[in-house]
């Protein structure tokens, strides 16, 4: 292209053009992509596995839904990932899912109905997969309960609206000061119904299975009896390396900023100047490289294979339900603390303070505790704690407690005074030379 003499392409425009070209995804290549529904123990997610994503990862003994699609896949350089285009209406590839173990034994996974269940509401607690013959009956029961709850709320709102209308009508009559004023409408004696928080997805049919720990090959067998081209993939089912009991630590003076101690070899440090609330949580230790790629198989971060990660297992919360916190100091028994529900109450006034009090539910009230924990008061000089059931400590629940003295507030300003001290010393030195 001929340009006028002295013409220059602006640098910013040139860079923008280059960046635009670099950010453009490579041409899509259609391939078979697995899209299993997997869990990390808390929630279920769909994870796409184009062939470039490598080995499929699942948690051992957890139910997994296997589906495969033939869709376009393109490389996205910004995130350095191969992205599959699951356009709405794309149907799974027809075929029977087969799992081949390390010994060569083939297990056929038959399609069954399944749904995802959120007992505490979406995003409010662990998810559960319901599958098999009970799925439809489970879903019908959920729909019936949800509709019944909705009808109760609707009826309550109708009663409240009618009473409000009656009160307004009575106020108009009272404003006219009649010789005989009728009695005002009676107070409401019914409590507001509890909202129904649970949610279940509509049932679908697919291959659902739970695999023991091990290395497998997953493949699709078509209606013609042959293996579907491009469907053979390596699959690893990994289990926790260890299980224990962790704690969420809530200091009374900053309960909104909790700390956690999940690893059993960790020590809990406290100033001894505030009460400490310990909330037990079942935890498990996994190989970090596997667990971090469970939901992000194309993660570019290279994790050291020797690293591990402790993660909470809310689905096992029944293991710590009702357990007590045994206290001891240098081998001497100091008693035990029971798990107690607590609620935080804001104090009136400009101080914006709060109090943490034991929670006592009222009949018909919808209030719930803010948390359930064991309260370790500052006057208890315990050096070891452990969660116990029937007097026996739960494995991995032991923790050392160490009281430390924080530095004086005045000492925190010493580093800021250092430049000033150096300046004064230099000034005095110059005066001494004169």
Protein backbone atom coordinates (compact mmCIF):
# COMPACT_ATOMS: atom_id res chain seq x y z
CA UNK A 1 0.00 0.00 0.00
CA UNK A 2 1.40 3.41 -1.03
CA UNK A 3 1.48 5.99 1.78
CA UNK A 4 2.14 9.73 1.62
CA UNK A 5 5.70 10.77 2.31
CA UNK A 6 6.30 11.30 5.99
CA UNK A 7 3.20 9.27 7.02
CA UNK A 8 3.63 7.26 10.22
CA UNK A 9 1.30 4.63 11.68
CA UNK A 10 0.55 5.67 15.27
CA UNK A 11 2.26 3.33 17.69
CA UNK A 12 -0.88 2.81 19.80
CA UNK A 13 -2.91 1.77 16.76
CA UNK A 14 -0.20 -0.69 15.70
CA UNK A 15 -0.01 -2.21 19.20
CA UNK A 16 -3.79 -2.45 19.39
CA UNK A 17 -3.87 -4.30 16.08
CA UNK A 18 -1.18 -6.73 17.24
CA UNK A 19 -2.94 -7.35 20.58
CA UNK A 20 -6.25 -7.86 18.80
CA UNK A 21 -4.67 -10.47 16.57
CA UNK A 22 -3.01 -12.21 19.51
CA UNK A 23 -6.27 -12.37 21.46
CA UNK A 24 -8.21 -13.97 18.63
CA UNK A 25 -9.02 -17.61 19.29
CA UNK A 26 -7.57 -20.16 16.93
CA UNK A 27 -9.89 -21.75 14.38
CA UNK A 28 -12.33 -24.16 16.02
CA UNK A 29 -11.67 -27.87 15.63
CA UNK A 30 -14.60 -30.22 16.27
CA UNK A 31 -13.81 -33.06 18.64
CA UNK A 32 -15.36 -35.29 21.29
CA UNK A 33 -15.37 -33.51 24.65
CA UNK A 34 -16.22 -35.14 27.95
CA UNK A 35 -18.23 -32.95 30.30
CA UNK A 36 -18.64 -34.86 33.57
CA UNK A 37 -20.53 -33.55 36.58
CA UNK A 38 -17.98 -33.85 39.41
CA UNK A 39 -17.83 -32.80 43.06
CA UNK A 40 -15.14 -31.47 45.37
CA UNK A 41 -17.14 -32.63 48.37
CA UNK A 42 -19.09 -29.38 48.67
CA UNK A 43 -20.60 -28.65 45.27
CA UNK A 44 -21.03 -30.23 41.85
CA UNK A 45 -19.78 -28.61 38.65
CA UNK A 46 -19.70 -29.42 34.96
CA UNK A 47 -16.07 -29.60 33.83
CA UNK A 48 -15.14 -29.66 30.14
CA UNK A 49 -12.37 -32.03 29.02
CA UNK A 50 -11.25 -31.49 25.43
CA UNK A 51 -8.41 -33.85 24.50
CA UNK A 52 -5.86 -31.12 25.29
CA UNK A 53 -7.04 -31.02 28.94
CA UNK A 54 -5.51 -34.44 29.53
CA UNK A 55 -6.49 -36.83 32.32
CA UNK A 56 -10.00 -36.74 33.74
CA UNK A 57 -10.00 -36.28 37.54
CA UNK A 58 -12.72 -37.35 40.01
CA UNK A 59 -12.96 -37.84 43.75
CA UNK A 60 -12.88 -41.49 44.75
CA UNK A 61 -16.19 -42.99 45.91
CA UNK A 62 -18.15 -39.88 44.89
CA UNK A 63 -20.93 -40.17 42.32
CA UNK A 64 -20.01 -38.74 38.91
CA UNK A 65 -22.22 -38.11 35.88
CA UNK A 66 -20.51 -38.91 32.56
CA UNK A 67 -21.58 -37.19 29.35
CA UNK A 68 -19.72 -36.55 26.08
CA UNK A 69 -20.41 -34.05 23.32
CA UNK A 70 -19.04 -33.52 19.83
CA UNK A 71 -18.51 -29.76 19.71
CA UNK A 72 -16.10 -27.17 18.28
CA UNK A 73 -12.97 -26.53 20.38
CA UNK A 74 -10.72 -23.49 19.98
CA UNK A 75 -7.64 -22.20 21.76
CA UNK A 76 -8.03 -18.99 23.78
CA UNK A 77 -4.57 -17.44 24.25
CA UNK A 78 -5.58 -15.01 27.01
CA UNK A 79 -6.25 -17.81 29.52
CA UNK A 80 -4.20 -20.39 27.58
CA UNK A 81 -7.11 -22.83 27.55
CA UNK A 82 -8.93 -24.89 24.95
CA UNK A 83 -12.57 -23.85 25.10
CA UNK A 84 -15.46 -26.04 24.00
CA UNK A 85 -18.56 -24.41 22.51
CA UNK A 86 -21.57 -26.03 24.20
CA UNK A 87 -24.25 -24.23 22.24
CA UNK A 88 -27.73 -24.52 23.69
CA UNK A 89 -29.45 -27.58 22.30
CA UNK A 90 -26.27 -29.60 21.76
CA UNK A 91 -27.15 -33.22 22.52
CA UNK A 92 -24.77 -35.71 24.13
CA UNK A 93 -23.06 -38.28 21.91
CA UNK A 94 -25.06 -41.52 21.70
CA UNK A 95 -23.24 -44.43 23.24
CA UNK A 96 -22.69 -46.54 26.33
CA UNK A 97 -20.07 -45.39 28.84
CA UNK A 98 -17.49 -48.05 29.73
CA UNK A 99 -14.87 -47.93 32.49
CA UNK A 100 -11.74 -50.08 32.03
CA UNK A 101 -9.64 -50.68 35.14
CA UNK A 102 -5.88 -51.35 35.32
CA UNK A 103 -6.49 -55.11 35.05
CA UNK A 104 -8.42 -54.71 31.79
CA UNK A 105 -11.87 -55.46 33.27
CA UNK A 106 -14.65 -53.51 31.56
CA UNK A 107 -17.61 -52.13 33.50
CA UNK A 108 -20.61 -50.82 31.57
CA UNK A 109 -22.35 -47.82 33.14
CA UNK A 110 -26.08 -47.91 32.45
CA UNK A 111 -27.95 -44.58 32.17
CA UNK A 112 -30.17 -43.75 35.16
CA UNK A 113 -32.24 -40.75 36.28
CA UNK A 114 -30.44 -38.23 38.50
CA UNK A 115 -30.83 -34.77 39.99
CA UNK A 116 -28.83 -32.37 42.16
CA UNK A 117 -30.19 -31.62 45.63
CA UNK A 118 -29.55 -28.43 47.65
CA UNK A 119 -30.99 -29.14 51.09
CA UNK A 120 -30.09 -25.68 52.50
CA UNK A 121 -30.71 -23.74 49.30
CA UNK A 122 -28.52 -22.98 46.29
CA UNK A 123 -25.08 -21.83 47.43
CA UNK A 124 -25.93 -22.23 51.13
CA UNK A 125 -24.54 -25.70 51.82
CA UNK A 126 -23.18 -28.91 50.32
CA UNK A 127 -24.86 -30.35 47.24
CA UNK A 128 -25.91 -33.95 46.89
CA UNK A 129 -26.50 -36.12 43.86
CA UNK A 130 -29.66 -38.23 43.92
CA UNK A 131 -29.70 -41.02 41.34
CA UNK A 132 -31.46 -44.27 40.51
CA UNK A 133 -35.06 -45.41 40.86
CA UNK A 134 -35.77 -43.07 43.79
CA UNK A 135 -35.02 -39.94 41.72
CA UNK A 136 -38.52 -39.28 40.34
CA UNK A 137 -40.26 -39.96 43.66
CA UNK A 138 -37.72 -37.69 45.40
CA UNK A 139 -38.40 -34.90 42.90
CA UNK A 140 -42.19 -35.28 43.17
CA UNK A 141 -41.94 -35.02 46.96
CA UNK A 142 -39.79 -31.89 46.62
CA UNK A 143 -42.31 -30.27 44.27
CA UNK A 144 -45.18 -31.10 46.63
CA UNK A 145 -43.36 -29.61 49.64
CA UNK A 146 -42.31 -26.50 47.71
CA UNK A 147 -45.87 -25.90 46.48
CA UNK A 148 -47.30 -26.46 49.97
CA UNK A 149 -44.83 -23.94 51.42
CA UNK A 150 -45.68 -21.43 48.70
CA UNK A 151 -49.43 -21.85 49.40
CA UNK A 152 -48.86 -21.29 53.12
CA UNK A 153 -46.92 -18.08 52.46
CA UNK A 154 -49.59 -16.93 50.01
CA UNK A 155 -52.34 -17.59 52.57
CA UNK A 156 -50.37 -15.76 55.27
CA UNK A 157 -49.89 -12.76 52.99
CA UNK A 158 -53.63 -12.76 52.24
CA UNK A 159 -54.49 -12.73 55.95
CA UNK A 160 -51.99 -9.92 56.61
CA UNK A 161 -53.40 -7.88 53.71
CA UNK A 162 -56.99 -8.37 54.89
CA UNK A 163 -56.12 -7.31 58.43
CA UNK A 164 -54.25 -4.26 57.13
CA UNK A 165 -57.31 -3.29 55.09
CA UNK A 166 -59.51 -3.79 58.16
CA UNK A 167 -57.22 -1.61 60.29
CA UNK A 168 -57.26 1.19 57.69
CA UNK A 169 -61.06 1.01 57.51
CA UNK A 170 -61.30 1.17 61.32
CA UNK A 171 -58.97 4.18 61.41
CA UNK A 172 -61.20 6.01 58.92
CA UNK A 173 -64.24 5.32 61.11
CA UNK A 174 -62.34 6.46 64.22
CA UNK A 175 -61.30 9.68 62.46
CA UNK A 176 -65.00 10.59 62.02
CA UNK A 177 -65.53 10.30 65.82
CA UNK A 178 -68.79 8.32 65.71
CA UNK A 179 -70.93 8.02 68.89
CA UNK A 180 -70.19 4.31 69.04
CA UNK A 181 -66.76 3.17 67.88
CA UNK A 182 -66.49 -0.52 66.95
CA UNK A 183 -63.68 -2.59 68.38
CA UNK A 184 -60.43 -2.53 66.38
CA UNK A 185 -59.45 -5.62 64.37
CA UNK A 186 -57.82 -8.33 66.53
CA UNK A 187 -54.08 -8.83 66.52
CA UNK A 188 -52.62 -11.54 64.31
CA UNK A 189 -52.11 -14.78 66.22
CA UNK A 190 -50.47 -16.81 63.47
CA UNK A 191 -46.71 -16.87 62.83
CA UNK A 192 -45.18 -16.26 59.44
CA UNK A 193 -44.46 -19.61 57.73
CA UNK A 194 -40.87 -20.75 57.31
CA UNK A 195 -39.58 -20.21 53.75
CA UNK A 196 -38.76 -23.40 51.86
CA UNK A 197 -35.09 -23.03 50.95
CA UNK A 198 -34.35 -26.45 49.46
CA UNK A 199 -33.99 -26.87 45.70
CA UNK A 200 -33.83 -29.85 43.37
CA UNK A 201 -32.99 -29.75 39.67
CA UNK A 202 -35.28 -31.49 37.21
CA UNK A 203 -34.41 -35.18 36.70
CA UNK A 204 -32.22 -36.11 33.75
CA UNK A 205 -30.95 -39.45 32.47
CA UNK A 206 -27.25 -40.20 32.06
CA UNK A 207 -24.45 -42.55 33.11
CA UNK A 208 -23.81 -42.23 36.86
CA UNK A 209 -21.15 -44.12 38.81
CA UNK A 210 -18.77 -43.90 41.79
CA UNK A 211 -15.24 -45.23 41.30
CA UNK A 212 -12.78 -46.54 43.88
CA UNK A 213 -9.33 -44.98 43.98
CA UNK A 214 -7.30 -45.95 40.93
CA UNK A 215 -6.37 -45.30 37.32
CA UNK A 216 -8.89 -46.12 34.59
CA UNK A 217 -9.78 -45.63 30.94
CA UNK A 218 -13.18 -44.20 30.07
CA UNK A 219 -14.64 -44.82 26.62
CA UNK A 220 -17.89 -44.75 24.65
CA UNK A 221 -19.24 -47.76 22.78
CA UNK A 222 -21.58 -46.91 19.94
CA UNK A 223 -24.74 -48.70 18.82
CA UNK A 224 -22.69 -50.53 16.16
CA UNK A 225 -20.60 -52.18 18.89
CA UNK A 226 -17.43 -50.23 18.11
CA UNK A 227 -15.59 -47.73 20.33
CA UNK A 228 -16.53 -44.17 19.36
CA UNK A 229 -13.53 -42.49 17.76
CA UNK A 230 -11.71 -40.11 20.12
CA UNK A 231 -13.60 -41.28 23.23
CA UNK A 232 -10.78 -43.18 24.96
CA UNK A 233 -9.41 -41.06 27.81
CA UNK A 234 -7.37 -41.69 30.94
CA UNK A 235 -9.30 -41.19 34.18
CA UNK A 236 -7.84 -40.94 37.70
CA UNK A 237 -10.00 -41.38 40.79
CA UNK A 238 -8.07 -40.00 43.77
CA UNK A 239 -8.78 -40.34 47.47
CA UNK A 240 -7.73 -38.25 50.48
CA UNK A 241 -4.30 -39.05 51.92
CA UNK A 242 -5.55 -38.41 55.45
CA UNK A 243 -8.66 -37.28 57.31
CA UNK A 244 -8.88 -35.18 60.46
CA UNK A 245 -10.90 -32.55 62.30
CA UNK A 246 -10.15 -28.89 61.73
CA UNK A 247 -11.41 -25.80 63.51
CA UNK A 248 -12.74 -22.41 62.52
CA UNK A 249 -11.43 -20.01 65.17
CA UNK A 250 -13.50 -16.94 66.00
CA UNK A 251 -11.95 -14.51 68.53
CA UNK A 252 -14.69 -12.70 70.44
CA UNK A 253 -13.18 -9.28 69.71
CA UNK A 254 -13.19 -9.87 65.93
CA UNK A 255 -15.63 -12.67 65.25
CA UNK A 256 -16.24 -11.53 61.65
CA UNK A 257 -12.59 -12.30 60.78
CA UNK A 258 -12.25 -16.00 61.62
CA UNK A 259 -9.06 -18.01 61.26
CA UNK A 260 -8.77 -21.70 60.39
CA UNK A 261 -6.55 -24.55 61.51
CA UNK A 262 -7.05 -27.63 59.37
CA UNK A 263 -3.73 -29.52 59.62
CA UNK A 264 -3.45 -31.60 62.83
CA UNK A 265 0.18 -30.55 63.40
CA UNK A 266 -0.70 -26.85 63.60
CA UNK A 267 -0.60 -24.91 66.88
CA UNK A 268 -3.29 -22.45 67.94
CA UNK A 269 -1.86 -19.18 69.26
CA UNK A 270 -3.95 -16.85 71.41
CA UNK A 271 -3.27 -13.68 73.39
CA UNK A 272 -5.36 -14.94 76.30
CA UNK A 273 -7.14 -11.57 76.40
CA UNK A 274 -10.33 -12.58 74.60
CA UNK A 275 -12.65 -15.58 74.47
CA UNK A 276 -12.05 -17.98 71.59
CA UNK A 277 -14.84 -19.84 69.81
CA UNK A 278 -13.80 -23.15 68.19
CA UNK A 279 -16.11 -24.50 65.49
CA UNK A 280 -15.19 -28.10 64.47
CA UNK A 281 -15.06 -29.01 60.78
CA UNK A 282 -14.25 -32.42 59.23
CA UNK A 283 -11.29 -32.01 56.83
CA UNK A 284 -9.31 -34.16 54.40
CA UNK A 285 -5.80 -33.91 52.96
CA UNK A 286 -5.37 -34.23 49.19
CA UNK A 287 -2.49 -34.01 46.77
CA UNK A 288 -2.60 -30.32 45.82
CA UNK A 289 -1.88 -30.91 42.13
CA UNK A 290 -4.91 -33.18 41.78
CA UNK A 291 -7.38 -31.29 43.92
CA UNK A 292 -6.66 -27.86 42.39
CA UNK A 293 -7.22 -29.27 38.90
CA UNK A 294 -10.47 -31.01 39.80
CA UNK A 295 -12.55 -28.03 38.62
CA UNK A 296 -9.78 -26.43 36.51
CA UNK A 297 -8.06 -29.21 34.56
CA UNK A 298 -6.33 -26.72 32.24
CA UNK A 299 -4.85 -24.61 35.04
CA UNK A 300 -1.45 -23.29 33.95
CA UNK A 301 -0.06 -23.18 37.48
CA UNK A 302 2.53 -25.90 38.05
CA UNK A 303 2.00 -27.32 41.54
CA UNK A 304 4.77 -29.19 43.31
CA UNK A 305 3.69 -32.89 43.39
CA UNK A 306 4.86 -33.13 47.00
CA UNK A 307 2.49 -30.38 48.18
CA UNK A 308 -0.79 -31.24 49.86
CA UNK A 309 -3.87 -29.23 50.77
CA UNK A 310 -6.35 -29.62 53.61
CA UNK A 311 -9.95 -28.91 52.62
CA UNK A 312 -13.22 -28.98 54.61
CA UNK A 313 -15.66 -31.83 54.09
CA UNK A 314 -19.08 -30.39 55.04
CA UNK A 315 -20.77 -33.56 53.79
CA UNK A 316 -19.24 -35.34 56.81
CA UNK A 317 -20.44 -32.81 59.39
CA UNK A 318 -22.41 -35.53 61.18
CA UNK A 319 -19.05 -36.93 62.37
CA UNK A 320 -18.58 -33.97 64.72
CA UNK A 321 -22.23 -33.39 65.64
CA UNK A 322 -22.64 -33.54 69.41
CA UNK A 323 -18.90 -33.95 70.08
CA UNK A 324 -17.28 -32.13 73.02
CA UNK A 325 -14.00 -30.26 73.30
CA UNK A 326 -11.81 -31.86 75.99
CA UNK A 327 -9.41 -29.44 77.72
CA UNK A 328 -6.15 -30.29 79.43
CA UNK A 329 -2.96 -28.61 80.67
CA UNK A 330 0.28 -30.56 81.01
CA UNK A 331 -1.71 -33.78 81.18
CA UNK A 332 -4.21 -32.52 83.78
CA UNK A 333 -7.89 -32.81 82.82
CA UNK A 334 -9.70 -29.43 82.81
CA UNK A 335 -13.11 -30.70 81.75
CA UNK A 336 -14.95 -30.47 78.44
CA UNK A 337 -16.95 -27.87 76.50
CA UNK A 338 -20.17 -28.71 74.66
CA UNK A 339 -21.09 -27.32 71.26
CA UNK A 340 -23.47 -24.41 71.78
CA UNK A 341 -25.40 -22.23 69.33
CA UNK A 342 -24.56 -18.53 69.50
CA UNK A 343 -26.04 -15.37 68.10
CA UNK A 344 -24.38 -11.98 67.75
CA UNK A 345 -26.42 -9.00 68.97
CA UNK A 346 -25.51 -5.47 67.97
CA UNK A 347 -25.40 -2.97 70.83
CA UNK A 348 -27.32 0.33 70.47
CA UNK A 349 -25.46 3.59 70.27
CA UNK A 350 -22.59 5.06 68.31
CA UNK A 351 -20.00 2.61 69.64
CA UNK A 352 -21.21 -0.04 67.18
CA UNK A 353 -20.30 -2.84 69.56
CA UNK A 354 -21.79 -6.30 69.85
CA UNK A 355 -22.35 -9.17 72.27
CA UNK A 356 -22.08 -12.89 71.57
CA UNK A 357 -24.73 -14.72 73.55
CA UNK A 358 -26.06 -18.25 73.72
CA UNK A 359 -28.95 -18.67 71.33
CA UNK A 360 -32.27 -19.99 72.60
CA UNK A 361 -34.79 -20.59 69.79
CA UNK A 362 -38.30 -19.27 70.39
CA UNK A 363 -41.38 -21.22 69.41
CA UNK A 364 -42.61 -20.11 66.01
CA UNK A 365 -39.66 -17.78 65.42
CA UNK A 366 -37.58 -17.97 62.26
CA UNK A 367 -34.32 -16.84 63.90
CA UNK A 368 -31.33 -19.17 63.63
CA UNK A 369 -27.94 -19.11 65.38
CA UNK A 370 -25.08 -17.30 63.67
CA UNK A 371 -22.73 -20.20 64.43
CA UNK A 372 -22.33 -23.27 66.66
CA UNK A 373 -19.05 -23.63 68.55
CA UNK A 374 -17.28 -24.32 71.86
CA UNK A 375 -16.44 -21.20 73.87
CA UNK A 376 -12.94 -21.25 75.36
CA UNK A 377 -12.95 -18.40 77.87
CA UNK A 378 -9.81 -16.37 78.50
CA UNK A 379 -9.55 -17.49 82.12
CA UNK A 380 -9.09 -21.17 81.16
CA UNK A 381 -5.38 -21.96 80.90
CA UNK A 382 -5.64 -25.00 78.64
CA UNK A 383 -2.58 -26.09 76.63
CA UNK A 384 -4.16 -28.98 74.70
CA UNK A 385 -7.63 -29.51 73.23
CA UNK A 386 -9.24 -32.45 71.41
CA UNK A 387 -12.70 -33.20 70.10
CA UNK A 388 -14.19 -36.25 71.81
CA UNK A 389 -17.24 -38.48 71.47
CA UNK A 390 -18.12 -40.71 74.42
CA UNK A 391 -14.79 -39.73 75.96
CA UNK A 392 -12.68 -40.94 73.01
CA UNK A 393 -10.77 -38.30 70.98
CA UNK A 394 -11.52 -38.08 67.27
CA UNK A 395 -8.38 -38.76 65.16
CA UNK A 396 -6.64 -35.60 64.02
CA UNK A 397 -8.63 -33.30 66.33
CA UNK A 398 -5.83 -32.64 68.83
CA UNK A 399 -4.32 -29.14 68.92
CA UNK A 400 -1.71 -27.42 71.06
CA UNK A 401 -2.76 -24.06 72.56
CA UNK A 402 -0.07 -21.46 73.15
CA UNK A 403 -0.62 -18.08 74.80
CA UNK A 404 1.58 -15.27 73.46
CA UNK A 405 2.03 -11.69 74.61
CA UNK A 406 1.56 -9.16 71.80
CA UNK A 407 4.10 -6.33 71.55
CA UNK A 408 3.31 -3.08 73.30
CA UNK A 409 1.44 -0.58 71.16
CA UNK A 410 4.16 2.03 71.75
CA UNK A 411 6.80 -0.26 70.23
CA UNK A 412 4.92 -0.35 66.94
CA UNK A 413 5.95 3.26 66.26
CA UNK A 414 9.67 2.73 66.79
CA UNK A 415 10.45 1.92 63.11
CA UNK A 416 8.77 5.19 62.09
CA UNK A 417 11.01 7.14 64.49
CA UNK A 418 14.24 5.59 63.16
CA UNK A 419 14.76 8.08 60.25
CA UNK A 420 14.14 10.98 62.64
CA UNK A 421 16.70 9.63 65.12
CA UNK A 422 19.29 9.23 62.35
CA UNK A 423 18.65 12.81 61.19
CA UNK A 424 19.08 14.21 64.72
CA UNK A 425 22.32 12.24 65.21
CA UNK A 426 23.80 13.57 61.95
CA UNK A 427 22.82 17.12 62.84
CA UNK A 428 24.46 16.89 66.27
CA UNK A 429 27.58 15.41 64.70
CA UNK A 430 27.88 18.37 62.28
CA UNK A 431 27.52 20.85 65.13
CA UNK A 432 30.30 19.06 67.06
CA UNK A 433 32.69 19.56 64.15
CA UNK A 434 32.19 23.32 64.07
